[in-house]
Protein backbone atom coordinates (compact mmCIF):
# COMPACT_ATOMS: atom_id res chain seq x y z
CA MET A 1 -38.53 -62.76 13.05
CA SER A 2 -36.07 -60.80 10.90
CA ASP A 3 -33.21 -62.92 12.32
CA LEU A 4 -34.74 -66.13 10.93
CA PRO A 5 -33.69 -67.55 7.54
CA PRO A 6 -36.14 -66.79 4.67
CA PRO A 7 -37.86 -70.23 4.65
CA ALA A 8 -38.58 -69.98 8.38
CA ARG A 9 -39.87 -66.41 8.02
CA VAL A 10 -42.19 -67.41 5.18
CA LEU A 11 -43.43 -70.40 7.17
CA GLN A 12 -44.16 -68.18 10.15
CA VAL A 13 -46.25 -65.89 7.96
CA LEU A 14 -48.12 -68.82 6.41
CA LEU A 15 -48.98 -70.29 9.80
CA GLY A 16 -50.73 -67.04 10.69
CA VAL A 17 -53.92 -68.55 9.27
CA LEU A 18 -53.80 -71.22 12.00
CA ASN A 19 -53.23 -68.57 14.67
CA SER A 20 -56.35 -66.78 13.44
CA ALA A 21 -58.32 -70.04 13.42
CA ALA A 22 -57.26 -70.80 16.99
CA VAL A 23 -58.30 -67.38 18.26
CA SER A 24 -61.61 -67.61 16.38
CA ALA A 25 -62.31 -71.01 17.94
CA THR A 26 -61.47 -69.65 21.40
CA ALA A 27 -63.97 -66.84 20.90
CA ARG A 28 -66.69 -69.03 19.37
CA LEU A 29 -66.45 -71.52 22.21
CA GLY A 30 -66.86 -68.70 24.73
CA ILE A 31 -63.75 -69.68 26.69
CA PRO A 32 -62.97 -66.08 27.80
CA ASP A 33 -66.55 -65.71 29.06
CA HIS A 34 -66.19 -68.80 31.23
CA LEU A 35 -62.81 -67.68 32.60
CA HIS A 36 -64.08 -64.24 33.57
CA SER A 37 -65.19 -65.55 36.97
CA GLY A 38 -61.74 -67.01 37.72
CA PRO A 39 -59.21 -69.71 36.76
CA LYS A 40 -60.55 -73.13 35.77
CA THR A 41 -59.20 -76.55 34.90
CA VAL A 42 -59.41 -77.94 31.41
CA ASP A 43 -61.99 -80.47 32.59
CA GLU A 44 -64.18 -77.72 34.06
CA LEU A 45 -64.01 -75.71 30.87
CA ALA A 46 -64.59 -78.74 28.68
CA GLN A 47 -67.74 -79.63 30.59
CA ALA A 48 -68.98 -76.03 30.43
CA ILE A 49 -68.57 -75.68 26.66
CA GLY A 50 -69.15 -79.28 25.58
CA ALA A 51 -65.63 -80.01 24.29
CA LYS A 52 -63.24 -82.95 24.58
CA PRO A 53 -60.71 -82.10 27.35
CA GLU A 54 -57.62 -83.44 25.60
CA LEU A 55 -58.37 -81.48 22.41
CA LEU A 56 -59.33 -78.35 24.30
CA PHE A 57 -56.00 -78.44 26.14
CA ARG A 58 -54.16 -78.43 22.80
CA LEU A 59 -56.10 -75.37 21.63
CA MET A 60 -55.42 -73.50 24.85
CA ARG A 61 -51.73 -74.43 24.81
CA ALA A 62 -51.44 -72.98 21.29
CA THR A 63 -53.25 -69.74 22.10
CA ALA A 64 -51.25 -69.27 25.31
CA GLY A 65 -48.18 -68.93 23.10
CA LEU A 66 -49.90 -66.01 21.40
CA GLY A 67 -50.61 -64.25 24.69
CA ILE A 68 -54.25 -65.37 24.74
CA LEU A 69 -54.93 -67.32 27.97
CA ALA A 70 -52.32 -68.30 30.54
CA GLN A 71 -51.75 -71.27 32.81
CA THR A 72 -51.42 -70.89 36.58
CA PRO A 73 -48.75 -72.74 38.64
CA ASP A 74 -51.38 -75.29 39.73
CA GLY A 75 -52.31 -76.10 36.12
CA LYS A 76 -55.52 -74.10 35.80
CA TRP A 77 -56.22 -71.67 32.98
CA GLU A 78 -56.86 -67.98 33.41
CA GLN A 79 -57.68 -64.83 31.49
CA THR A 80 -55.08 -62.48 30.01
CA PRO A 81 -55.56 -58.87 28.84
CA MET A 82 -55.73 -60.20 25.28
CA SER A 83 -58.33 -62.87 25.97
CA ASP A 84 -60.30 -60.37 28.03
CA VAL A 85 -61.26 -58.44 24.88
CA LEU A 86 -62.71 -61.67 23.46
CA ARG A 87 -65.44 -61.75 26.13
CA SER A 88 -68.92 -61.16 24.75
CA ASP A 89 -69.68 -58.61 27.48
CA ALA A 90 -66.38 -56.71 27.37
CA ALA A 91 -66.71 -52.95 27.01
CA GLU A 92 -64.39 -53.18 24.01
CA THR A 93 -65.00 -56.62 22.57
CA LEU A 94 -63.50 -58.33 19.54
CA ARG A 95 -65.32 -61.60 20.13
CA HIS A 96 -67.77 -61.13 17.26
CA PHE A 97 -65.04 -60.02 14.88
CA ALA A 98 -62.93 -63.06 15.82
CA SER A 99 -65.95 -65.28 15.23
CA LEU A 100 -66.67 -63.65 11.86
CA LEU A 101 -63.24 -64.59 10.52
CA ALA A 102 -64.19 -68.27 10.75
CA ASP A 103 -67.53 -67.91 8.93
CA ASP A 104 -67.73 -70.19 5.91
CA TRP A 105 -68.37 -67.47 3.34
CA LEU A 106 -65.31 -65.51 4.45
CA VAL A 107 -63.04 -68.56 4.66
CA ARG A 108 -64.06 -69.57 1.13
CA ALA A 109 -63.36 -66.05 -0.09
CA PHE A 110 -59.88 -66.01 1.47
CA GLY A 111 -59.10 -69.29 -0.26
CA SER A 112 -59.85 -67.91 -3.72
CA LEU A 113 -57.77 -64.74 -3.79
CA ASP A 114 -55.76 -66.05 -6.73
CA GLU A 115 -58.95 -66.59 -8.76
CA THR A 116 -60.14 -63.04 -8.06
CA LEU A 117 -56.78 -61.74 -9.30
CA ARG A 118 -57.25 -63.72 -12.52
CA THR A 119 -60.87 -62.82 -13.20
CA GLY A 120 -61.32 -59.45 -11.49
CA GLU A 121 -64.56 -60.78 -9.99
CA PRO A 122 -65.16 -60.42 -6.22
CA ALA A 123 -65.03 -63.81 -4.54
CA ILE A 124 -68.51 -63.55 -3.02
CA ASP A 125 -70.05 -62.83 -6.44
CA ARG A 126 -68.22 -65.77 -7.97
CA ILE A 127 -68.86 -68.31 -5.19
CA TYR A 128 -72.47 -67.44 -4.36
CA GLY A 129 -73.63 -65.93 -7.65
CA MET A 130 -74.56 -62.58 -6.08
CA PRO A 131 -72.93 -59.55 -4.42
CA ALA A 132 -72.07 -59.73 -0.73
CA PHE A 133 -74.95 -57.62 0.57
CA ALA A 134 -77.45 -59.53 -1.58
CA TYR A 135 -76.06 -62.74 -0.07
CA PHE A 136 -76.57 -61.32 3.41
CA ALA A 137 -80.20 -60.55 2.56
CA LYS A 138 -80.71 -64.29 1.90
CA ASP A 139 -78.50 -65.69 4.67
CA ARG A 140 -79.67 -63.86 7.78
CA LYS A 141 -77.37 -65.78 10.14
CA SER A 142 -74.30 -64.66 8.21
CA ALA A 143 -75.73 -61.14 8.06
CA GLU A 144 -76.28 -61.07 11.82
CA ASN A 145 -72.74 -62.30 12.47
CA PHE A 146 -71.40 -59.61 10.13
CA ASP A 147 -73.49 -56.87 11.77
CA ARG A 148 -72.40 -57.93 15.26
CA ALA A 149 -68.76 -57.94 14.19
CA MET A 150 -69.00 -54.48 12.65
CA THR A 151 -70.81 -53.09 15.69
CA SER A 152 -68.29 -54.57 18.12
CA ARG A 153 -65.40 -53.16 16.13
CA SER A 154 -67.15 -49.81 16.18
CA THR A 155 -67.09 -49.89 19.99
CA LEU A 156 -63.31 -49.58 19.66
CA GLU A 157 -63.24 -47.04 16.85
CA ALA A 158 -66.19 -44.72 17.53
CA PRO A 159 -64.85 -43.01 20.70
CA VAL A 160 -61.47 -42.47 19.05
CA ILE A 161 -63.00 -40.82 15.98
CA ALA A 162 -65.43 -38.70 18.00
CA LYS A 163 -62.47 -37.40 20.00
CA ALA A 164 -60.24 -36.77 16.97
CA TYR A 165 -62.63 -34.47 15.09
CA ASP A 166 -64.26 -31.23 16.27
CA PHE A 167 -67.99 -31.56 15.53
CA SER A 168 -68.90 -28.44 17.53
CA LYS A 169 -69.51 -26.26 14.44
CA ILE A 170 -71.84 -28.84 12.89
CA ARG A 171 -75.54 -28.58 13.73
CA SER A 172 -76.83 -31.58 11.78
CA LEU A 173 -74.90 -34.74 10.93
CA THR A 174 -76.09 -37.61 8.71
CA ASP A 175 -74.39 -40.99 9.15
CA ILE A 176 -74.71 -42.94 5.91
CA GLY A 177 -74.66 -46.72 6.30
CA GLY A 178 -74.26 -46.36 10.06
CA GLY A 179 -75.52 -49.84 10.94
CA GLN A 180 -77.09 -50.06 14.39
CA GLY A 181 -76.28 -46.41 15.15
CA LEU A 182 -73.46 -46.89 17.65
CA PHE A 183 -71.10 -44.50 15.86
CA LEU A 184 -73.70 -41.74 15.57
CA ALA A 185 -74.78 -42.26 19.19
CA THR A 186 -71.17 -41.87 20.34
CA ILE A 187 -70.88 -38.52 18.56
CA LEU A 188 -74.27 -37.31 19.83
CA GLU A 189 -73.28 -38.15 23.39
CA ARG A 190 -70.09 -36.10 23.10
CA TYR A 191 -71.85 -33.14 21.39
CA PRO A 192 -75.21 -32.45 23.10
CA ASP A 193 -76.15 -29.60 20.70
CA LEU A 194 -75.83 -31.80 17.61
CA THR A 195 -78.76 -33.47 15.83
CA GLY A 196 -78.24 -36.62 13.82
CA THR A 197 -79.76 -38.76 11.09
CA LEU A 198 -79.00 -42.44 10.60
CA PHE A 199 -79.49 -43.48 6.97
CA GLU A 200 -79.62 -47.23 6.39
CA LEU A 201 -81.19 -50.01 4.35
CA PRO A 202 -84.76 -51.02 5.28
CA GLN A 203 -83.74 -54.44 6.62
CA VAL A 204 -81.31 -52.75 9.02
CA VAL A 205 -83.70 -49.99 10.09
CA HIS A 206 -86.38 -52.51 11.02
CA GLY A 207 -84.13 -54.03 13.68
CA LEU A 208 -83.06 -50.85 15.47
CA ALA A 209 -85.60 -50.76 18.29
CA GLY A 210 -83.87 -50.43 21.64
CA GLY A 211 -80.49 -49.88 20.01
CA PRO A 212 -77.71 -47.36 20.72
CA LEU A 213 -79.75 -44.39 19.43
CA GLU A 214 -82.62 -44.98 21.87
CA PRO A 215 -81.33 -42.48 24.47
CA PHE A 216 -81.13 -39.79 21.76
CA ARG A 217 -84.63 -40.07 20.31
CA ASP A 218 -85.15 -36.33 20.75
CA ARG A 219 -82.07 -35.51 18.66
CA ALA A 220 -81.84 -38.39 16.21
CA ARG A 221 -84.02 -39.67 13.40
CA VAL A 222 -83.73 -42.81 11.32
CA VAL A 223 -84.32 -42.80 7.57
CA GLU A 224 -84.33 -45.85 5.33
CA GLY A 225 -83.21 -45.90 1.73
CA ASP A 226 -80.53 -46.72 -0.83
CA MET A 227 -77.43 -44.51 -0.74
CA PHE A 228 -76.86 -44.95 -4.47
CA THR A 229 -80.23 -43.45 -5.45
CA SER A 230 -81.04 -40.80 -2.83
CA ILE A 231 -79.66 -39.37 0.38
CA PRO A 232 -81.56 -37.23 2.96
CA PRO A 233 -80.76 -33.60 2.05
CA GLY A 234 -80.04 -30.68 4.36
CA ALA A 235 -77.17 -31.94 6.54
CA ASP A 236 -74.26 -29.73 7.58
CA ALA A 237 -72.06 -32.79 7.24
CA TYR A 238 -72.30 -36.32 5.89
CA ILE A 239 -70.15 -38.98 7.51
CA MET A 240 -69.40 -42.52 6.36
CA LYS A 241 -67.32 -44.92 8.44
CA ARG A 242 -65.97 -47.97 6.61
CA ILE A 243 -68.45 -47.41 3.77
CA VAL A 244 -66.49 -45.87 0.91
CA HIS A 245 -63.91 -48.67 1.01
CA ASP A 246 -66.68 -51.20 0.29
CA TRP A 247 -67.22 -49.93 -3.25
CA PRO A 248 -65.40 -49.27 -6.52
CA ASP A 249 -64.93 -45.68 -7.67
CA GLU A 250 -68.02 -45.61 -9.91
CA GLN A 251 -70.44 -46.38 -7.08
CA CYS A 252 -68.56 -44.09 -4.69
CA ARG A 253 -68.89 -41.19 -7.10
CA LYS A 254 -72.66 -41.70 -7.13
CA MET A 255 -73.11 -41.52 -3.36
CA LEU A 256 -70.54 -38.77 -2.81
CA SER A 257 -72.18 -36.69 -5.55
CA LEU A 258 -75.54 -37.14 -3.82
CA CYS A 259 -73.95 -35.90 -0.60
CA ARG A 260 -72.59 -32.88 -2.45
CA SER A 261 -76.08 -32.07 -3.77
CA GLY A 262 -77.66 -32.45 -0.32
CA VAL A 263 -75.15 -30.68 1.93
CA THR A 264 -75.83 -27.17 3.27
CA ASP A 265 -73.67 -24.22 2.25
CA GLY A 266 -70.24 -24.53 3.78
CA GLY A 267 -70.92 -28.16 4.72
CA ARG A 268 -68.49 -31.04 5.03
CA LEU A 269 -67.97 -34.59 3.82
CA LEU A 270 -66.27 -36.87 6.36
CA VAL A 271 -65.02 -40.21 5.05
CA VAL A 272 -63.65 -42.41 7.83
CA ASP A 273 -61.45 -45.10 6.32
CA SER A 274 -57.88 -46.28 6.27
CA VAL A 275 -55.50 -44.28 4.10
CA VAL A 276 -52.90 -46.47 2.41
CA PRO A 277 -49.37 -45.09 2.99
CA PRO A 278 -47.08 -44.70 -0.01
CA ASP A 279 -44.10 -46.61 1.42
CA ALA A 280 -43.40 -50.33 1.13
CA ARG A 281 -43.71 -51.21 4.81
CA TYR A 282 -46.36 -53.61 6.12
CA ASP A 283 -49.56 -51.76 6.94
CA TYR A 284 -52.99 -52.89 8.10
CA SER A 285 -54.64 -51.00 5.24
CA LYS A 286 -52.77 -52.95 2.58
CA VAL A 287 -54.04 -56.27 3.91
CA MET A 288 -57.58 -54.95 4.38
CA ASP A 289 -57.42 -53.82 0.76
CA LEU A 290 -57.20 -57.48 -0.27
CA LEU A 291 -60.29 -58.26 1.81
CA MET A 292 -62.23 -55.49 0.09
CA MET A 293 -61.14 -56.89 -3.27
CA LEU A 294 -62.63 -60.26 -2.31
CA PHE A 295 -65.70 -58.96 -0.50
CA SER A 296 -67.26 -56.39 -2.79
CA GLY A 297 -64.76 -55.17 -5.32
CA GLY A 298 -64.00 -52.16 -3.14
CA LYS A 299 -60.59 -50.89 -2.12
CA GLU A 300 -58.59 -49.05 0.50
CA ARG A 301 -57.33 -45.81 -1.03
CA THR A 302 -54.22 -43.66 -0.96
CA GLU A 303 -54.39 -39.92 -0.37
CA HIS A 304 -54.01 -39.39 -4.13
CA GLU A 305 -56.94 -41.73 -4.85
CA PHE A 306 -59.14 -40.02 -2.27
CA ARG A 307 -58.27 -36.63 -3.74
CA ALA A 308 -59.25 -37.78 -7.26
CA LEU A 309 -62.46 -39.43 -6.02
CA PHE A 310 -63.52 -36.32 -4.13
CA ALA A 311 -62.79 -34.07 -7.10
CA ALA A 312 -64.87 -36.27 -9.41
CA SER A 313 -67.80 -35.98 -6.97
CA GLY A 314 -67.81 -32.20 -6.50
CA TRP A 315 -65.66 -32.12 -3.36
CA ARG A 316 -62.17 -30.87 -2.57
CA LEU A 317 -60.08 -32.86 -0.14
CA ASN A 318 -59.33 -30.37 2.62
CA ARG A 319 -57.29 -32.41 5.09
CA ILE A 320 -56.66 -35.90 6.45
CA ILE A 321 -56.87 -36.30 10.22
CA PRO A 322 -55.15 -39.42 11.60
CA THR A 323 -56.55 -41.12 14.68
CA THR A 324 -55.11 -43.57 17.19
CA SER A 325 -57.04 -46.31 15.38
CA PRO A 326 -56.17 -47.65 11.90
CA LEU A 327 -58.71 -45.17 10.50
CA SER A 328 -58.29 -41.56 9.41
CA ILE A 329 -60.90 -38.86 8.83
CA VAL A 330 -60.72 -37.63 5.24
CA GLU A 331 -62.45 -34.26 5.19
CA GLY A 332 -63.96 -32.78 2.04
CA VAL A 333 -65.34 -29.30 1.37
CA ALA A 334 -67.39 -28.07 -1.57
CA GLY A 335 -65.17 -28.05 -4.66
C-alpha cells in the first residue's frame, strides 16, 4: 500500500467500509456455517440461505479477495481459516461481532462522527435521544446482538488475559460489568481455589441461567446493581474488562473510588483495556477510541491518563501488563 500514490492509498482506506460490510453480510447470511460441511456451489448456497445466486456470487468473489472464502478448481466455494472464525459454532467466533458492525444504530453512529466532533455529544444520545445503554433497555434485539458480540469477543480475549496475570494470590475476585460471566468463568476454571462474584445490571442478571458460570455455582455468586452507586465490598481484587473505556473520567472516578472503598487490605484493581501508545503509528486502540466517543462518550486511555485516573480514585498505578490480545491489564494498588 505504501508504494501507491496518495489518492490510491486514500481510496483504499475509504473502501474499507465496504470490506467490513461484505464480511458482515457473509456472517449474517451464515455462509461459513453452510460451508463447514464441505465445498458448495453458489446455487446450493443461494438455495440454503435464500439469496439470489448471481448477487451472492459477487459477494463471495469480493470476500475471497480478502482471504474470506476460496473457490475450488471445479468452481465450488469452500471455507478458509478466516471464514472459519465467522461460524456461529466456532470455538473462537467473530460471527456476532461481524454482525454487530452492520446494526443500524452503529452504522448511523459511524456516519455522524463529524457531528460528534462539533457538538461533543455521543452519537447515540443525539440520534436516539438517550444514552446507549438506555437505548438497549428499550431495543432488546439490538441489546441481544450487542451482548452476543461482546461475549463472542470475550471467547478470544478471556483465555489470554487469564494466562497473562497471576491470580494465585487472590482469594476473592469481583468482575464488574462482566456480562454473561464468560470472563470470570475462564479465570475460575484456571484457578480452582479462587471464588468469584459477577456484578451486573438486573436485566443482565435475569438472563444468566445456564450460562458460563453454571459449572462454578459452588465458587461464584451473582449480584445485581449499579456500579456507579454501590459495589459489593470485601473483594481481594476488582476486575473490569472493557468497562472503564465506556465512560468519561467523572463516571470512572465514581466506580473506581467505590472499588477502593470496598477492596480488602492489600487488594488490587485490575482494569483490562487497550492502552493507547504515545507514537504516531496506526494502532487498534486509536480507532476504538473514536468508537467510544460515538457510543458513550468514553475513551481509550494512555498510560498517563490511566495514572491520573487511578490517582484521583485512591489508587496508584503499579504496572501495565501487555497481553497477546489488543488489551493490557492495568494494575492498581491502594494509593
